[in-house]
Amino acid sequence: QVQLVESGAGLVQAGGSLRLSCAATGNIGRINTMGWYRQAPGKQRELVAGETTFGNTDYADSVKGRFTSSRDNAKNMGYLQMNSLKPEDTGVYYCTAKVEGWDYWGQGTQVTVSS
């Protein structure tokens, strides 16, 4: 089993920054890809940033140029740096990982951006 635990949640004013972290623990063989989703109140869960099997990262149009996803393979950690935050970035952010072909999800962490 693999567990993903997000951290870095918080309340921030518009224009501010936050960095989310995702720690992968358990029976980790090889992490194929990692990514981040979010779900705003009353809306469907949407992709924020996702690694592809080609090694690049796809970003939602709404976060391009503001968010950066990265990974530290040695530590089995993923990160989402969020800059120039907007109130519409508010939501629960979920870390995902594909490990040895299996998909795993974190429990989610709340990000609130005030105007």
Protein backbone atom coordinates (compact mmCIF):
# COMPACT_ATOMS: atom_id res chain seq x y z
CA GLN A 1 0.00 0.00 0.00
CA VAL A 2 1.01 3.58 -0.65
CA GLN A 3 -0.12 6.56 1.39
CA LEU A 4 -0.06 10.14 0.21
CA VAL A 5 -0.21 12.90 2.79
CA GLU A 6 -0.57 16.53 1.80
CA SER A 7 0.56 19.46 3.92
CA GLY A 8 0.87 23.20 3.54
CA ALA A 9 -2.79 24.12 3.75
CA GLY A 10 -3.69 27.61 4.74
CA LEU A 11 -5.52 30.87 4.42
CA VAL A 12 -3.82 33.49 2.29
CA GLN A 13 -4.76 36.84 0.81
CA ALA A 14 -5.14 37.27 -2.91
CA GLY A 15 -1.76 37.79 -4.52
CA GLY A 16 -0.01 35.67 -1.93
CA SER A 17 1.79 32.35 -2.22
CA LEU A 18 1.57 28.89 -0.73
CA ARG A 19 3.52 25.70 -1.24
CA LEU A 20 1.80 22.38 -0.86
CA SER A 21 3.78 19.23 -0.16
CA CYS A 22 2.87 15.62 -0.76
CA ALA A 23 4.70 12.86 1.07
CA ALA A 24 4.50 9.37 -0.37
CA THR A 25 5.07 6.56 2.11
CA GLY A 26 4.57 2.82 2.25
CA ASN A 27 5.41 0.15 -0.25
CA ILE A 28 6.82 2.47 -2.87
CA GLY A 29 8.48 0.89 -5.80
CA ARG A 30 8.68 3.43 -8.53
CA ILE A 31 6.54 6.53 -8.74
CA ASN A 32 5.54 6.83 -12.37
CA THR A 33 3.81 10.19 -12.23
CA MET A 34 2.50 12.65 -9.66
CA GLY A 35 -0.12 15.32 -9.94
CA TRP A 36 -2.46 17.70 -8.21
CA TYR A 37 -6.22 18.13 -8.44
CA ARG A 38 -8.53 20.53 -6.67
CA GLN A 39 -12.21 20.73 -5.88
CA ALA A 40 -13.95 24.00 -5.22
CA PRO A 41 -17.24 24.10 -3.30
CA GLY A 42 -20.08 22.99 -5.53
CA LYS A 43 -17.77 22.13 -8.42
CA GLN A 44 -16.26 19.01 -9.86
CA ARG A 45 -12.72 17.97 -9.09
CA GLU A 46 -10.35 19.32 -11.72
CA LEU A 47 -6.77 18.75 -12.75
CA VAL A 48 -4.38 21.48 -11.61
CA ALA A 49 -1.04 19.98 -12.64
CA GLY A 50 -0.16 16.52 -13.85
CA GLU A 51 3.01 14.85 -14.98
CA THR A 52 2.79 12.96 -18.22
CA THR A 53 4.57 9.77 -19.11
CA PHE A 54 6.69 11.84 -21.48
CA GLY A 55 8.23 13.69 -18.56
CA ASN A 56 6.57 17.06 -18.92
CA THR A 57 3.80 18.56 -16.82
CA ASP A 58 0.39 19.70 -17.98
CA TYR A 59 -1.24 22.62 -16.19
CA ALA A 60 -4.80 23.86 -16.13
CA ASP A 61 -5.11 27.02 -18.20
CA SER A 62 -6.28 28.90 -15.10
CA VAL A 63 -2.99 28.27 -13.26
CA LYS A 64 -0.42 28.43 -16.05
CA GLY A 65 2.38 30.82 -15.21
CA ARG A 66 1.37 30.92 -11.54
CA PHE A 67 1.67 27.33 -10.30
CA THR A 68 4.65 25.01 -10.56
CA SER A 69 4.64 21.31 -9.81
CA SER A 70 7.88 19.55 -8.90
CA ARG A 71 9.10 16.31 -7.42
CA ASP A 72 12.01 15.15 -5.25
CA ASN A 73 12.47 11.49 -6.13
CA ALA A 74 15.06 10.87 -3.43
CA LYS A 75 12.55 11.92 -0.76
CA ASN A 76 9.40 10.61 -2.47
CA MET A 77 7.97 14.09 -2.19
CA GLY A 78 5.86 16.17 -4.54
CA TYR A 79 5.33 19.91 -4.35
CA LEU A 80 2.95 22.48 -5.75
CA GLN A 81 4.21 26.05 -5.59
CA MET A 82 1.30 28.45 -5.95
CA ASN A 83 1.97 32.13 -6.61
CA SER A 84 -0.27 35.09 -7.34
CA LEU A 85 -3.16 33.27 -5.74
CA LYS A 86 -6.70 34.30 -6.57
CA PRO A 87 -9.96 33.74 -4.66
CA GLU A 88 -11.02 31.31 -7.38
CA ASP A 89 -8.07 29.09 -6.42
CA THR A 90 -9.90 28.28 -3.19
CA GLY A 91 -10.65 24.61 -2.75
CA VAL A 92 -9.46 21.27 -1.46
CA TYR A 93 -6.24 20.23 -3.14
CA TYR A 94 -5.45 16.56 -3.66
CA CYS A 95 -2.14 14.93 -4.44
CA THR A 96 -2.19 11.92 -6.73
CA ALA A 97 0.45 9.43 -7.73
CA LYS A 98 0.70 6.49 -10.06
CA VAL A 99 2.97 3.89 -8.44
CA GLU A 100 3.79 0.72 -10.31
CA GLY A 101 0.68 1.32 -12.39
CA TRP A 102 -1.69 1.87 -9.49
CA ASP A 103 -3.38 5.23 -8.76
CA TYR A 104 -3.32 6.69 -5.26
CA TRP A 105 -4.90 9.80 -3.75
CA GLY A 106 -4.17 11.89 -0.69
CA GLN A 107 -6.88 12.96 1.73
CA GLY A 108 -6.85 16.54 0.51
CA THR A 109 -5.80 19.83 2.04
CA GLN A 110 -7.78 23.07 2.18
CA VAL A 111 -6.53 26.20 0.48
CA THR A 112 -8.51 29.39 1.05
CA VAL A 113 -7.69 32.62 -0.75
CA SER A 114 -9.39 35.75 0.55
CA SER A 115 -10.07 38.79 -1.59
